Amino acid sequence: MRPVVYTLLVLLALAVAAAVWFRGDAAVAGARADRAESRAALAEDAVGYLQRSLQYERDAARAMSNIGETHERDRSDAAGVPAAVVADLRAGNRRLQEHWAACETRNLSAGAAATLERDAAAQRREADIGHLVQAGRDADDQLRACQAVIREYAGAGLTTGDGAER
């Protein structure tokens, strides 16, 4: 009877070992499945982040392109400013401030200067005024474009309160 007991004990030990082995293998398989699901979720999150990043880049590029186009249009429009200012001065639609109107006449006495020289000085003064107006307009256009870029970056949350980029 002893051999039967030993045989049963060996069979029981083998059954327990097989049960433990199958249970462990199922646990390992479950852990692998959990890791695979976690990796899949991370991959989905990464894809979503990349898609949002690409969309942001496209939107930012489109906004910067619009700002650039507006600025270039303003610059090309400004090319005609000096001629328009001179025409307005000659037509009487604009008047010079006192210090501009008198700047050349202080240097020339009416009796000493020829009429031609006075006309040339007036034309130079008008042209100078036109160029000054154009320079002011160019500066305004540049400032508007810079402010638009800053607003675009600030709206996208790319700057901190002190103006430094993140």
Protein backbone atom coordinates (compact mmCIF):
# COMPACT_ATOMS: atom_id res chain seq x y z
CA MET A 1 0.00 0.00 0.00
CA ARG A 2 2.88 2.19 0.46
CA PRO A 3 3.64 2.36 -3.22
CA VAL A 4 0.07 3.47 -3.89
CA VAL A 5 0.34 6.25 -1.29
CA TYR A 6 3.63 7.38 -2.72
CA THR A 7 2.17 7.32 -6.19
CA LEU A 8 -0.84 9.34 -5.03
CA LEU A 9 1.41 11.81 -3.26
CA VAL A 10 3.52 12.21 -6.37
CA LEU A 11 0.41 12.66 -8.50
CA LEU A 12 -0.99 15.16 -5.99
CA ALA A 13 2.31 17.08 -6.02
CA LEU A 14 2.30 17.08 -9.81
CA ALA A 15 -1.31 18.32 -9.84
CA VAL A 16 -0.48 21.11 -7.40
CA ALA A 17 2.62 22.04 -9.42
CA ALA A 18 0.59 22.10 -12.64
CA ALA A 19 -2.12 24.23 -11.03
CA VAL A 20 0.46 26.69 -9.71
CA TRP A 21 2.21 26.76 -13.08
CA PHE A 22 -1.04 27.38 -15.01
CA ARG A 23 -2.14 30.00 -12.50
CA GLY A 24 1.21 31.76 -12.75
CA ASP A 25 1.13 31.59 -16.53
CA ALA A 26 -2.37 33.13 -16.52
CA ALA A 27 -1.18 35.90 -14.17
CA VAL A 28 1.79 36.62 -16.44
CA ALA A 29 -0.51 36.70 -19.46
CA GLY A 30 -2.87 39.06 -17.61
CA ALA A 31 0.03 41.35 -16.67
CA ARG A 32 1.21 41.34 -20.28
CA ALA A 33 -2.29 42.25 -21.45
CA ASP A 34 -2.47 45.09 -18.91
CA ARG A 35 0.91 46.43 -20.09
CA ALA A 36 -0.20 46.19 -23.71
CA GLU A 37 -3.38 48.15 -22.89
CA SER A 38 -1.33 50.77 -21.04
CA ARG A 39 1.05 51.11 -23.97
CA ALA A 40 -1.87 51.43 -26.37
CA ALA A 41 -3.43 54.17 -24.23
CA LEU A 42 -0.10 56.03 -24.09
CA ALA A 43 0.26 55.73 -27.85
CA GLU A 44 -3.25 57.13 -28.34
CA ASP A 45 -2.44 60.04 -26.02
CA ALA A 46 0.79 60.72 -27.92
CA VAL A 47 -1.02 60.69 -31.26
CA GLY A 48 -3.63 63.12 -29.91
CA TYR A 49 -0.91 65.42 -28.59
CA LEU A 50 0.91 65.36 -31.93
CA GLN A 51 -2.30 66.11 -33.81
CA ARG A 52 -3.04 69.08 -31.52
CA SER A 53 0.55 70.30 -31.89
CA LEU A 54 0.39 70.10 -35.67
CA GLN A 55 -2.93 71.94 -35.71
CA TYR A 56 -1.50 74.66 -33.47
CA GLU A 57 1.53 75.03 -35.78
CA ARG A 58 -0.73 75.31 -38.82
CA ASP A 59 -2.92 77.92 -37.11
CA ALA A 60 0.11 79.89 -35.90
CA ALA A 61 1.70 79.81 -39.36
CA ARG A 62 -1.56 80.98 -40.93
CA ALA A 63 -1.87 83.82 -38.40
CA MET A 64 1.76 84.91 -38.90
CA SER A 65 1.28 84.80 -42.65
CA ASN A 66 -1.78 87.04 -42.37
CA ILE A 67 0.15 89.48 -40.17
CA GLY A 68 3.01 89.52 -42.69
CA GLU A 69 0.66 90.08 -45.63
CA THR A 70 -1.06 92.97 -43.85
CA HIS A 71 2.28 94.52 -42.97
CA GLU A 72 3.59 94.23 -46.54
CA ARG A 73 0.35 95.71 -47.90
CA ASP A 74 0.71 98.64 -45.47
CA ARG A 75 4.32 99.12 -46.54
CA SER A 76 3.41 99.18 -50.22
CA ASP A 77 0.55 101.61 -49.52
CA ALA A 78 3.00 103.87 -47.66
CA ALA A 79 5.12 104.39 -50.79
CA GLY A 80 2.64 106.97 -52.07
CA VAL A 81 2.43 108.92 -48.83
CA PRO A 82 5.08 111.59 -49.60
CA ALA A 83 3.47 112.50 -52.93
CA ALA A 84 0.00 112.58 -51.36
CA VAL A 85 1.20 114.86 -48.54
CA VAL A 86 2.86 117.23 -51.00
CA ALA A 87 -0.29 117.28 -53.15
CA ASP A 88 -2.44 117.99 -50.06
CA LEU A 89 -0.09 120.81 -49.01
CA ARG A 90 -0.22 122.38 -52.47
CA ALA A 91 -4.00 122.01 -52.70
CA GLY A 92 -4.43 123.59 -49.28
CA ASN A 93 -5.96 120.45 -47.74
CA ARG A 94 -3.10 120.32 -45.22
CA ARG A 95 -1.24 123.07 -43.48
CA LEU A 96 2.18 123.04 -41.94
CA GLN A 97 2.59 123.82 -38.29
CA GLU A 98 4.09 127.20 -37.53
CA HIS A 99 7.63 125.97 -36.91
CA TRP A 100 7.71 124.09 -40.25
CA ALA A 101 6.24 126.92 -42.26
CA ALA A 102 8.75 129.39 -40.91
CA CYS A 103 11.91 127.27 -40.80
CA GLU A 104 13.18 128.26 -44.23
CA THR A 105 11.99 131.83 -44.17
CA ARG A 106 14.07 132.58 -41.10
CA ASN A 107 17.18 131.66 -43.03
CA LEU A 108 16.38 133.71 -46.11
CA SER A 109 15.53 137.33 -46.23
CA ALA A 110 12.86 138.18 -48.77
CA GLY A 111 15.04 140.81 -50.41
CA ALA A 112 18.15 138.62 -50.69
CA ALA A 113 16.62 135.40 -51.94
CA ALA A 114 15.39 134.99 -55.44
CA THR A 115 11.90 133.76 -56.10
CA LEU A 116 13.28 130.57 -57.59
CA GLU A 117 15.22 129.80 -54.42
CA ARG A 118 12.15 130.36 -52.25
CA ASP A 119 10.09 128.05 -54.43
CA ALA A 120 12.82 125.39 -54.31
CA ALA A 121 13.00 125.71 -50.52
CA ALA A 122 9.22 125.36 -50.26
CA GLN A 123 9.32 122.26 -52.47
CA ARG A 124 12.12 120.75 -50.40
CA ARG A 125 10.20 121.50 -47.23
CA GLU A 126 7.06 119.87 -48.64
CA ALA A 127 9.03 116.81 -49.77
CA ASP A 128 10.70 116.59 -46.35
CA ILE A 129 7.31 116.74 -44.66
CA GLY A 130 6.08 113.96 -46.96
CA HIS A 131 9.05 111.77 -46.06
CA LEU A 132 8.58 112.47 -42.36
CA VAL A 133 4.93 111.45 -42.60
CA GLN A 134 5.96 108.30 -44.45
CA ALA A 135 8.58 107.49 -41.80
CA GLY A 136 5.96 107.91 -39.08
CA ARG A 137 3.51 105.72 -40.96
CA ASP A 138 6.18 103.06 -41.54
CA ALA A 139 6.95 103.07 -37.82
CA ASP A 140 3.25 102.76 -37.00
CA ASP A 141 2.86 99.86 -39.45
CA GLN A 142 5.88 98.09 -37.99
CA LEU A 143 4.56 98.60 -34.46
CA ARG A 144 1.11 97.25 -35.41
CA ALA A 145 2.69 94.15 -36.97
CA CYS A 146 4.87 93.54 -33.89
CA GLN A 147 1.88 93.97 -31.58
CA ALA A 148 -0.14 91.52 -33.69
CA VAL A 149 2.62 88.93 -33.37
CA ILE A 150 2.78 89.47 -29.60
CA ARG A 151 -1.01 89.16 -29.31
CA GLU A 152 -0.86 85.93 -31.34
CA TYR A 153 1.80 84.45 -29.07
CA ALA A 154 0.04 85.65 -25.91
CA GLY A 155 -3.29 84.25 -27.13
CA ALA A 156 -1.66 80.89 -27.67
CA GLY A 157 -0.14 80.97 -24.19
CA LEU A 158 3.44 80.99 -25.44
CA THR A 159 4.61 83.87 -23.27
CA THR A 160 4.71 84.40 -19.55
CA GLY A 161 3.60 87.57 -17.84
CA ASP A 162 7.08 89.12 -18.04
CA GLY A 163 7.28 88.63 -21.83
CA ALA A 164 9.72 85.69 -21.70
CA GLU A 165 8.96 82.71 -23.92
CA ARG A 166 8.14 79.37 -22.34
